[in-house]
Amino acid sequence: MCLALPALLIDIHDDLQATVDLGGVRKTISIALVPDAQPGDYVIVHVGNAIGRIDPEEAARTLALFEEMAHLNVELNAPLDTPLLDTETPLSP
């Protein structure tokens, strides 16, 4: 399974590198695949690479869902790496 997260592009550096903000965490990533991205854009980040731009409203909805899932895990007293679904038990038709 792959996971890509929306992040706000803060600053662009030399060599197609940029700083993004993801929930208060700032990280330097590559924007080689999205060279037209500008500060203020939301980009989808996968393993340190921006792989596309995303609409700000869609980014906000996605980040809100991640936050809701984290709160549900805390409410259930489950470790953050606990799966939300039991994938071992098949769903009945």
PDB file of N, CA and C in Angstrom:
ATOM      1  N   MET A   1       0.847  -1.173   0.000  1.00  0.00           N
ATOM      2  CA  MET A   1       0.000   0.000   0.000  1.00  0.00           C
ATOM      3  C   MET A   1       0.893   1.235   0.000  1.00  0.00           C
ATOM      4  N   CYS A   2       0.519   2.211  -0.790  1.00  0.00           N
ATOM      5  CA  CYS A   2       1.249   3.474  -0.851  1.00  0.00           C
ATOM      6  C   CYS A   2       0.446   4.554  -0.138  1.00  0.00           C
ATOM      7  N   LEU A   3       1.143   5.502   0.413  1.00  0.00           N
ATOM      8  CA  LEU A   3       0.485   6.608   1.090  1.00  0.00           C
ATOM      9  C   LEU A   3       1.115   7.905   0.618  1.00  0.00           C
ATOM     10  N   ALA A   4       0.281   8.793   0.124  1.00  0.00           N
ATOM     11  CA  ALA A   4       0.728  10.126  -0.269  1.00  0.00           C
ATOM     12  C   ALA A   4      -0.115  11.122   0.509  1.00  0.00           C
ATOM     13  N   LEU A   5       0.516  12.157   1.014  1.00  0.00           N
ATOM     14  CA  LEU A   5      -0.161  13.123   1.872  1.00  0.00           C
ATOM     15  C   LEU A   5      -0.132  14.519   1.264  1.00  0.00           C
ATOM     16  N   PRO A   6      -1.216  15.275   1.429  1.00  0.00           N
ATOM     17  CA  PRO A   6      -1.180  16.659   0.974  1.00  0.00           C
ATOM     18  C   PRO A   6      -0.337  17.500   1.929  1.00  0.00           C
ATOM     19  N   ALA A   7       0.464  18.380   1.349  1.00  0.00           N
ATOM     20  CA  ALA A   7       1.317  19.261   2.146  1.00  0.00           C
ATOM     21  C   ALA A   7       1.352  20.633   1.486  1.00  0.00           C
ATOM     22  N   LEU A   8       1.452  21.666   2.306  1.00  0.00           N
ATOM     23  CA  LEU A   8       1.506  23.034   1.819  1.00  0.00           C
ATOM     24  C   LEU A   8       2.934  23.384   1.442  1.00  0.00           C
ATOM     25  N   LEU A   9       3.141  23.819   0.205  1.00  0.00           N
ATOM     26  CA  LEU A   9       4.463  24.214  -0.251  1.00  0.00           C
ATOM     27  C   LEU A   9       4.776  25.588   0.325  1.00  0.00           C
ATOM     28  N   ILE A  10       5.854  25.673   1.105  1.00  0.00           N
ATOM     29  CA  ILE A  10       6.227  26.899   1.811  1.00  0.00           C
ATOM     30  C   ILE A  10       7.256  27.709   1.031  1.00  0.00           C
ATOM     31  N   ASP A  11       8.306  27.042   0.558  1.00  0.00           N
ATOM     32  CA  ASP A  11       9.421  27.756  -0.070  1.00  0.00           C
ATOM     33  C   ASP A  11      10.078  26.854  -1.103  1.00  0.00           C
ATOM     34  N   ILE A  12      10.559  27.452  -2.177  1.00  0.00           N
ATOM     35  CA  ILE A  12      11.273  26.705  -3.207  1.00  0.00           C
ATOM     36  C   ILE A  12      12.755  27.045  -3.110  1.00  0.00           C
ATOM     37  N   HIS A  13      13.598  26.006  -3.197  1.00  0.00           N
ATOM     38  CA  HIS A  13      15.054  26.150  -3.122  1.00  0.00           C
ATOM     39  C   HIS A  13      15.661  25.821  -4.480  1.00  0.00           C
ATOM     40  N   ASP A  14      16.965  25.887  -4.559  1.00  0.00           N
ATOM     41  CA  ASP A  14      17.676  25.500  -5.773  1.00  0.00           C
ATOM     42  C   ASP A  14      17.529  24.001  -6.022  1.00  0.00           C
ATOM     43  N   ASP A  15      17.827  23.583  -7.234  1.00  0.00           N
ATOM     44  CA  ASP A  15      17.856  22.158  -7.608  1.00  0.00           C
ATOM     45  C   ASP A  15      16.519  21.456  -7.418  1.00  0.00           C
ATOM     46  N   LEU A  16      15.415  22.152  -7.681  1.00  0.00           N
ATOM     47  CA  LEU A  16      14.069  21.579  -7.594  1.00  0.00           C
ATOM     48  C   LEU A  16      13.761  20.968  -6.225  1.00  0.00           C
ATOM     49  N   GLN A  17      14.247  21.610  -5.189  1.00  0.00           N
ATOM     50  CA  GLN A  17      13.944  21.231  -3.813  1.00  0.00           C
ATOM     51  C   GLN A  17      13.009  22.276  -3.231  1.00  0.00           C
ATOM     52  N   ALA A  18      12.179  21.870  -2.281  1.00  0.00           N
ATOM     53  CA  ALA A  18      11.245  22.804  -1.662  1.00  0.00           C
ATOM     54  C   ALA A  18      10.986  22.386  -0.226  1.00  0.00           C
ATOM     55  N   THR A  19      10.510  23.339   0.556  1.00  0.00           N
ATOM     56  CA  THR A  19      10.084  23.058   1.923  1.00  0.00           C
ATOM     57  C   THR A  19       8.563  22.999   1.928  1.00  0.00           C
ATOM     58  N   VAL A  20       8.022  21.948   2.557  1.00  0.00           N
ATOM     59  CA  VAL A  20       6.581  21.820   2.719  1.00  0.00           C
ATOM     60  C   VAL A  20       6.249  21.743   4.197  1.00  0.00           C
ATOM     61  N   ASP A  21       4.998  22.050   4.506  1.00  0.00           N
ATOM     62  CA  ASP A  21       4.488  21.950   5.872  1.00  0.00           C
ATOM     63  C   ASP A  21       3.370  20.919   5.871  1.00  0.00           C
ATOM     64  N   LEU A  22       3.504  19.943   6.726  1.00  0.00           N
ATOM     65  CA  LEU A  22       2.487  18.910   6.876  1.00  0.00           C
ATOM     66  C   LEU A  22       2.117  18.819   8.348  1.00  0.00           C
ATOM     67  N   GLY A  23       1.051  19.481   8.712  1.00  0.00           N
ATOM     68  CA  GLY A  23       0.600  19.449  10.095  1.00  0.00           C
ATOM     69  C   GLY A  23       1.604  20.019  11.074  1.00  0.00           C
ATOM     70  N   GLY A  24       2.331  21.048  10.671  1.00  0.00           N
ATOM     71  CA  GLY A  24       3.312  21.656  11.560  1.00  0.00           C
ATOM     72  C   GLY A  24       4.707  21.099  11.418  1.00  0.00           C
ATOM     73  N   VAL A  25       4.853  20.015  10.677  1.00  0.00           N
ATOM     74  CA  VAL A  25       6.170  19.431  10.429  1.00  0.00           C
ATOM     75  C   VAL A  25       6.656  19.951   9.084  1.00  0.00           C
ATOM     76  N   ARG A  26       7.848  20.533   9.085  1.00  0.00           N
ATOM     77  CA  ARG A  26       8.422  21.038   7.840  1.00  0.00           C
ATOM     78  C   ARG A  26       9.499  20.082   7.351  1.00  0.00           C
ATOM     79  N   LYS A  27       9.485  19.860   6.050  1.00  0.00           N
ATOM     80  CA  LYS A  27      10.387  18.888   5.458  1.00  0.00           C
ATOM     81  C   LYS A  27      10.815  19.381   4.086  1.00  0.00           C
ATOM     82  N   THR A  28      12.060  19.085   3.709  1.00  0.00           N
ATOM     83  CA  THR A  28      12.543  19.388   2.370  1.00  0.00           C
ATOM     84  C   THR A  28      12.225  18.203   1.470  1.00  0.00           C
ATOM     85  N   ILE A  29      11.609  18.508   0.317  1.00  0.00           N
ATOM     86  CA  ILE A  29      11.226  17.463  -0.626  1.00  0.00           C
ATOM     87  C   ILE A  29      11.696  17.858  -2.029  1.00  0.00           C
ATOM     88  N   SER A  30      11.608  16.925  -2.952  1.00  0.00           N
ATOM     89  CA  SER A  30      11.883  17.193  -4.357  1.00  0.00           C
ATOM     90  C   SER A  30      10.587  17.613  -5.055  1.00  0.00           C
ATOM     91  N   ILE A  31      10.688  18.633  -5.906  1.00  0.00           N
ATOM     92  CA  ILE A  31       9.538  19.021  -6.728  1.00  0.00           C
ATOM     93  C   ILE A  31       9.849  18.786  -8.208  1.00  0.00           C
ATOM     94  N   ALA A  32      10.779  17.878  -8.492  1.00  0.00           N
ATOM     95  CA  ALA A  32      11.177  17.597  -9.874  1.00  0.00           C
ATOM     96  C   ALA A  32       9.994  17.135 -10.724  1.00  0.00           C
ATOM     97  N   LEU A  33       9.042  16.433 -10.126  1.00  0.00           N
ATOM     98  CA  LEU A  33       7.880  15.942 -10.880  1.00  0.00           C
ATOM     99  C   LEU A  33       6.785  16.992 -11.017  1.00  0.00           C
ATOM    100  N   VAL A  34       6.904  18.085 -10.256  1.00  0.00           N
ATOM    101  CA  VAL A  34       5.921  19.168 -10.289  1.00  0.00           C
ATOM    102  C   VAL A  34       6.674  20.501 -10.329  1.00  0.00           C
ATOM    103  N   PRO A  35       7.451  20.725 -11.392  1.00  0.00           N
ATOM    104  CA  PRO A  35       8.312  21.911 -11.416  1.00  0.00           C
ATOM    105  C   PRO A  35       7.562  23.238 -11.462  1.00  0.00           C
ATOM    106  N   ASP A  36       6.272  23.221 -11.807  1.00  0.00           N
ATOM    107  CA  ASP A  36       5.493  24.463 -11.865  1.00  0.00           C
ATOM    108  C   ASP A  36       4.828  24.814 -10.538  1.00  0.00           C
ATOM    109  N   ALA A  37       5.029  23.987  -9.509  1.00  0.00           N
ATOM    110  CA  ALA A  37       4.435  24.259  -8.191  1.00  0.00           C
ATOM    111  C   ALA A  37       5.032  25.536  -7.611  1.00  0.00           C
ATOM    112  N   GLN A  38       4.198  26.291  -6.915  1.00  0.00           N
ATOM    113  CA  GLN A  38       4.596  27.573  -6.339  1.00  0.00           C
ATOM    114  C   GLN A  38       4.274  27.597  -4.849  1.00  0.00           C
ATOM    115  N   PRO A  39       4.969  28.422  -4.068  1.00  0.00           N
ATOM    116  CA  PRO A  39       4.615  28.575  -2.657  1.00  0.00           C
ATOM    117  C   PRO A  39       3.126  28.920  -2.523  1.00  0.00           C
ATOM    118  N   GLY A  40       2.484  28.265  -1.576  1.00  0.00           N
ATOM    119  CA  GLY A  40       1.050  28.435  -1.380  1.00  0.00           C
ATOM    120  C   GLY A  40       0.231  27.320  -2.003  1.00  0.00           C
ATOM    121  N   ASP A  41       0.842  26.543  -2.923  1.00  0.00           N
ATOM    122  CA  ASP A  41       0.160  25.396  -3.525  1.00  0.00           C
ATOM    123  C   ASP A  41       0.173  24.229  -2.548  1.00  0.00           C
ATOM    124  N   TYR A  42      -0.834  23.383  -2.652  1.00  0.00           N
ATOM    125  CA  TYR A  42      -0.803  22.093  -1.972  1.00  0.00           C
ATOM    126  C   TYR A  42      -0.307  21.058  -2.957  1.00  0.00           C
ATOM    127  N   VAL A  43       0.631  20.225  -2.507  1.00  0.00           N
ATOM    128  CA  VAL A  43       1.154  19.144  -3.334  1.00  0.00           C
ATOM    129  C   VAL A  43       0.941  17.822  -2.603  1.00  0.00           C
ATOM    130  N   ILE A  44       0.861  16.762  -3.373  1.00  0.00           N
ATOM    131  CA  ILE A  44       0.777  15.420  -2.809  1.00  0.00           C
ATOM    132  C   ILE A  44       2.216  14.913  -2.683  1.00  0.00           C
ATOM    133  N   VAL A  45       2.591  14.490  -1.481  1.00  0.00           N
ATOM    134  CA  VAL A  45       3.966  14.058  -1.212  1.00  0.00           C
ATOM    135  C   VAL A  45       3.988  12.560  -0.938  1.00  0.00           C
ATOM    136  N   HIS A  46       4.860  11.878  -1.669  1.00  0.00           N
ATOM    137  CA  HIS A  46       5.073  10.434  -1.490  1.00  0.00           C
ATOM    138  C   HIS A  46       6.574  10.198  -1.434  1.00  0.00           C
ATOM    139  N   VAL A  47       7.026   9.596  -0.366  1.00  0.00           N
ATOM    140  CA  VAL A  47       8.439   9.286  -0.104  1.00  0.00           C
ATOM    141  C   VAL A  47       9.389  10.422  -0.503  1.00  0.00           C
ATOM    142  N   GLY A  48       9.071  11.622  -0.047  1.00  0.00           N
ATOM    143  CA  GLY A  48       9.959  12.758  -0.237  1.00  0.00           C
ATOM    144  C   GLY A  48       9.876  13.440  -1.585  1.00  0.00           C
ATOM    145  N   ASN A  49       8.864  13.082  -2.378  1.00  0.00           N
ATOM    146  CA  ASN A  49       8.699  13.673  -3.699  1.00  0.00           C
ATOM    147  C   ASN A  49       7.288  14.209  -3.866  1.00  0.00           C
ATOM    148  N   ALA A  50       7.176  15.427  -4.366  1.00  0.00           N
ATOM    149  CA  ALA A  50       5.858  15.942  -4.745  1.00  0.00           C
ATOM    150  C   ALA A  50       5.495  15.243  -6.052  1.00  0.00           C
ATOM    151  N   ILE A  51       4.347  14.593  -6.076  1.00  0.00           N
ATOM    152  CA  ILE A  51       3.958  13.837  -7.272  1.00  0.00           C
ATOM    153  C   ILE A  51       2.785  14.489  -7.999  1.00  0.00           C
ATOM    154  N   GLY A  52       2.265  15.581  -7.462  1.00  0.00           N
ATOM    155  CA  GLY A  52       1.179  16.289  -8.118  1.00  0.00           C
ATOM    156  C   GLY A  52       0.692  17.419  -7.237  1.00  0.00           C
ATOM    157  N   ARG A  53      -0.095  18.299  -7.835  1.00  0.00           N
ATOM    158  CA  ARG A  53      -0.726  19.368  -7.067  1.00  0.00           C
ATOM    159  C   ARG A  53      -2.142  18.935  -6.728  1.00  0.00           C
ATOM    160  N   ILE A  54      -2.698  19.536  -5.671  1.00  0.00           N
ATOM    161  CA  ILE A  54      -4.050  19.201  -5.238  1.00  0.00           C
ATOM    162  C   ILE A  54      -4.781  20.498  -4.896  1.00  0.00           C
ATOM    163  N   ASP A  55      -6.068  20.500  -5.166  1.00  0.00           N
ATOM    164  CA  ASP A  55      -6.929  21.630  -4.856  1.00  0.00           C
ATOM    165  C   ASP A  55      -6.914  21.875  -3.338  1.00  0.00           C
ATOM    166  N   PRO A  56      -6.839  23.137  -2.880  1.00  0.00           N
ATOM    167  CA  PRO A  56      -6.791  23.416  -1.437  1.00  0.00           C
ATOM    168  C   PRO A  56      -7.978  22.843  -0.659  1.00  0.00           C
ATOM    169  N   GLU A  57      -9.166  22.858  -1.254  1.00  0.00           N
ATOM    170  CA  GLU A  57     -10.342  22.312  -0.548  1.00  0.00           C
ATOM    171  C   GLU A  57     -10.220  20.798  -0.385  1.00  0.00           C
ATOM    172  N   GLU A  58      -9.733  20.122  -1.422  1.00  0.00           N
ATOM    173  CA  GLU A  58      -9.539  18.674  -1.338  1.00  0.00           C
ATOM    174  C   GLU A  58      -8.448  18.348  -0.317  1.00  0.00           C
ATOM    175  N   ALA A  59      -7.386  19.152  -0.285  1.00  0.00           N
ATOM    176  CA  ALA A  59      -6.318  18.950   0.697  1.00  0.00           C
ATOM    177  C   ALA A  59      -6.877  19.085   2.113  1.00  0.00           C
ATOM    178  N   ALA A  60      -7.713  20.104   2.338  1.00  0.00           N
ATOM    179  CA  ALA A  60      -8.299  20.318   3.670  1.00  0.00           C
ATOM    180  C   ALA A  60      -9.179  19.138   4.066  1.00  0.00           C
ATOM    181  N   ARG A  61      -9.982  18.626   3.130  1.00  0.00           N
ATOM    182  CA  ARG A  61     -10.842  17.462   3.441  1.00  0.00           C
ATOM    183  C   ARG A  61     -10.000  16.238   3.780  1.00  0.00           C
ATOM    184  N   THR A  62      -8.947  16.008   3.007  1.00  0.00           N
ATOM    185  CA  THR A  62      -8.092  14.843   3.245  1.00  0.00           C
ATOM    186  C   THR A  62      -7.392  14.950   4.597  1.00  0.00           C
ATOM    187  N   LEU A  63      -6.833  16.129   4.901  1.00  0.00           N
ATOM    188  CA  LEU A  63      -6.154  16.314   6.189  1.00  0.00           C
ATOM    189  C   LEU A  63      -7.128  16.178   7.355  1.00  0.00           C
ATOM    190  N   ALA A  64      -8.361  16.645   7.177  1.00  0.00           N
ATOM    191  CA  ALA A  64      -9.377  16.506   8.231  1.00  0.00           C
ATOM    192  C   ALA A  64      -9.699  15.033   8.467  1.00  0.00           C
ATOM    193  N   LEU A  65      -9.747  14.235   7.412  1.00  0.00           N
ATOM    194  CA  LEU A  65     -10.004  12.794   7.578  1.00  0.00           C
ATOM    195  C   LEU A  65      -8.866  12.111   8.331  1.00  0.00           C
ATOM    196  N   PHE A  66      -7.621  12.472   7.999  1.00  0.00           N
ATOM    197  CA  PHE A  66      -6.489  11.902   8.737  1.00  0.00           C
ATOM    198  C   PHE A  66      -6.556  12.278  10.216  1.00  0.00           C
ATOM    199  N   GLU A  67      -6.915  13.528  10.508  1.00  0.00           N
ATOM    200  CA  GLU A  67      -7.029  13.974  11.895  1.00  0.00           C
ATOM    201  C   GLU A  67      -8.144  13.216  12.613  1.00  0.00           C
ATOM    202  N   GLU A  68      -9.263  13.019  11.937  1.00  0.00           N
ATOM    203  CA  GLU A  68     -10.376  12.276  12.533  1.00  0.00           C
ATOM    204  C   GLU A  68      -9.974  10.834  12.843  1.00  0.00           C
ATOM    205  N   MET A  69      -9.234  10.201  11.923  1.00  0.00           N
ATOM    206  CA  MET A  69      -8.777   8.829  12.171  1.00  0.00           C
ATOM    207  C   MET A  69      -7.846   8.772  13.373  1.00  0.00           C
ATOM    208  N   ALA A  70      -6.969   9.764  13.513  1.00  0.00           N
ATOM    209  CA  ALA A  70      -6.050   9.794  14.655  1.00  0.00           C
ATOM    210  C   ALA A  70      -6.825   9.943  15.959  1.00  0.00           C
ATOM    211  N   HIS A  71      -7.849  10.803  15.960  1.00  0.00           N
ATOM    212  CA  HIS A  71      -8.667  10.977  17.161  1.00  0.00           C
ATOM    213  C   HIS A  71      -9.430   9.704  17.503  1.00  0.00           C
ATOM    214  N   LEU A  72      -9.929   8.996  16.506  1.00  0.00           N
ATOM    215  CA  LEU A  72     -10.632   7.737  16.759  1.00  0.00           C
ATOM    216  C   LEU A  72      -9.703   6.709  17.390  1.00  0.00           C
ATOM    217  N   ASN A  73      -8.469   6.628  16.896  1.00  0.00           N
ATOM    218  CA  ASN A  73      -7.508   5.698  17.482  1.00  0.00           C
ATOM    219  C   ASN A  73      -7.229   6.045  18.938  1.00  0.00           C
ATOM    220  N   VAL A  74      -7.095   7.342  19.239  1.00  0.00           N
ATOM    221  CA  VAL A  74      -6.850   7.766  20.616  1.00  0.00           C
ATOM    222  C   VAL A  74      -8.055   7.429  21.488  1.00  0.00           C
ATOM    223  N   GLU A  75      -9.257   7.705  20.996  1.00  0.00           N
ATOM    224  CA  GLU A  75     -10.468   7.408  21.762  1.00  0.00           C
ATOM    225  C   GLU A  75     -10.604   5.919  22.060  1.00  0.00           C
ATOM    226  N   LEU A  76     -10.157   5.095  21.137  1.00  0.00           N
ATOM    227  CA  LEU A  76     -10.233   3.646  21.316  1.00  0.00           C
ATOM    228  C   LEU A  76      -9.054   3.099  22.099  1.00  0.00           C
ATOM    229  N   ASN A  77      -8.156   3.994  22.534  1.00  0.00           N
ATOM    230  CA  ASN A  77      -6.925   3.597  23.230  1.00  0.00           C
ATOM    231  C   ASN A  77      -6.105   2.614  22.414  1.00  0.00           C
ATOM    232  N   ALA A  78      -6.129   2.779  21.114  1.00  0.00           N
ATOM    233  CA  ALA A  78      -5.369   1.898  20.233  1.00  0.00           C
ATOM    234  C   ALA A  78      -4.070   2.585  19.847  1.00  0.00           C
ATOM    235  N   PRO A  79      -2.989   1.812  19.743  1.00  0.00           N
ATOM    236  CA  PRO A  79      -1.750   2.405  19.238  1.00  0.00           C
ATOM    237  C   PRO A  79      -1.982   2.972  17.846  1.00  0.00           C
ATOM    238  N   LEU A  80      -1.234   4.019  17.485  1.00  0.00           N
ATOM    239  CA  LEU A  80      -1.446   4.680  16.199  1.00  0.00           C
ATOM    240  C   LEU A  80      -1.206   3.764  15.008  1.00  0.00           C
ATOM    241  N   ASP A  81      -0.454   2.664  15.188  1.00  0.00           N
ATOM    242  CA  ASP A  81      -0.209   1.768  14.055  1.00  0.00           C
ATOM    243  C   ASP A  81      -1.215   0.626  13.993  1.00  0.00           C
ATOM    244  N   THR A  82      -2.272   0.670  14.832  1.00  0.00           N
ATOM    245  CA  THR A  82      -3.302  -0.352  14.805  1.00  0.00           C
ATOM    246  C   THR A  82      -4.195  -0.139  13.591  1.00  0.00           C
ATOM    247  N   PRO A  83      -4.423  -1.186  12.782  1.00  0.00           N
ATOM    248  CA  PRO A  83      -5.300  -1.024  11.621  1.00  0.00           C
ATOM    249  C   PRO A  83      -6.715  -0.648  12.055  1.00  0.00           C
ATOM    250  N   LEU A  84      -7.369   0.197  11.257  1.00  0.00           N
ATOM    251  CA  LEU A  84      -8.741   0.589  11.562  1.00  0.00           C
ATOM    252  C   LEU A  84      -9.720  -0.518  11.244  1.00  0.00           C
ATOM    253  N   LEU A  85      -9.363  -1.412  10.320  1.00  0.00           N
ATOM    254  CA  LEU A  85     -10.226  -2.515   9.950  1.00  0.00           C
ATOM    255  C   LEU A  85      -9.525  -3.828  10.244  1.00  0.00           C
ATOM    256  N   ASP A  86     -10.307  -4.834  10.613  1.00  0.00           N
ATOM    257  CA  ASP A  86      -9.778  -6.178  10.802  1.00  0.00           C
ATOM    258  C   ASP A  86      -9.700  -6.831   9.433  1.00  0.00           C
ATOM    259  N   THR A  87      -8.514  -6.876   8.852  1.00  0.00           N
ATOM    260  CA  THR A  87      -8.369  -7.417   7.503  1.00  0.00           C
ATOM    261  C   THR A  87      -8.258  -8.934   7.507  1.00  0.00           C
ATOM    262  N   GLU A  88      -8.170  -9.547   8.668  1.00  0.00           N
ATOM    263  CA  GLU A  88      -8.059 -11.004   8.749  1.00  0.00           C
ATOM    264  C   GLU A  88      -9.414 -11.681   8.640  1.00  0.00           C
ATOM    265  N   THR A  89     -10.459 -10.984   9.063  1.00  0.00           N
ATOM    266  CA  THR A  89     -11.795 -11.565   9.041  1.00  0.00           C
ATOM    267  C   THR A  89     -12.522 -11.135   7.772  1.00  0.00           C
ATOM    268  N   PRO A  90     -12.929 -12.104   6.929  1.00  0.00           N
ATOM    269  CA  PRO A  90     -13.617 -11.725   5.702  1.00  0.00           C
ATOM    270  C   PRO A  90     -14.973 -11.096   6.010  1.00  0.00           C
ATOM    271  N   LEU A  91     -15.356 -10.130   5.184  1.00  0.00           N
ATOM    272  CA  LEU A  91     -16.661  -9.496   5.346  1.00  0.00           C
ATOM    273  C   LEU A  91     -17.723 -10.442   4.800  1.00  0.00           C
ATOM    274  N   SER A  92     -18.827 -10.558   5.523  1.00  0.00           N
ATOM    275  CA  SER A  92     -19.900 -11.422   5.052  1.00  0.00           C
ATOM    276  C   SER A  92     -20.732 -10.689   4.006  1.00  0.00           C
ATOM    277  N   PRO A  93     -21.265 -11.429   3.021  1.00  0.00           N
ATOM    278  CA  PRO A  93     -22.044 -10.781   1.960  1.00  0.00           C
ATOM    279  C   PRO A  93     -23.344 -10.208   2.440  1.00  0.00           C
TER     280      PRO A  93
END
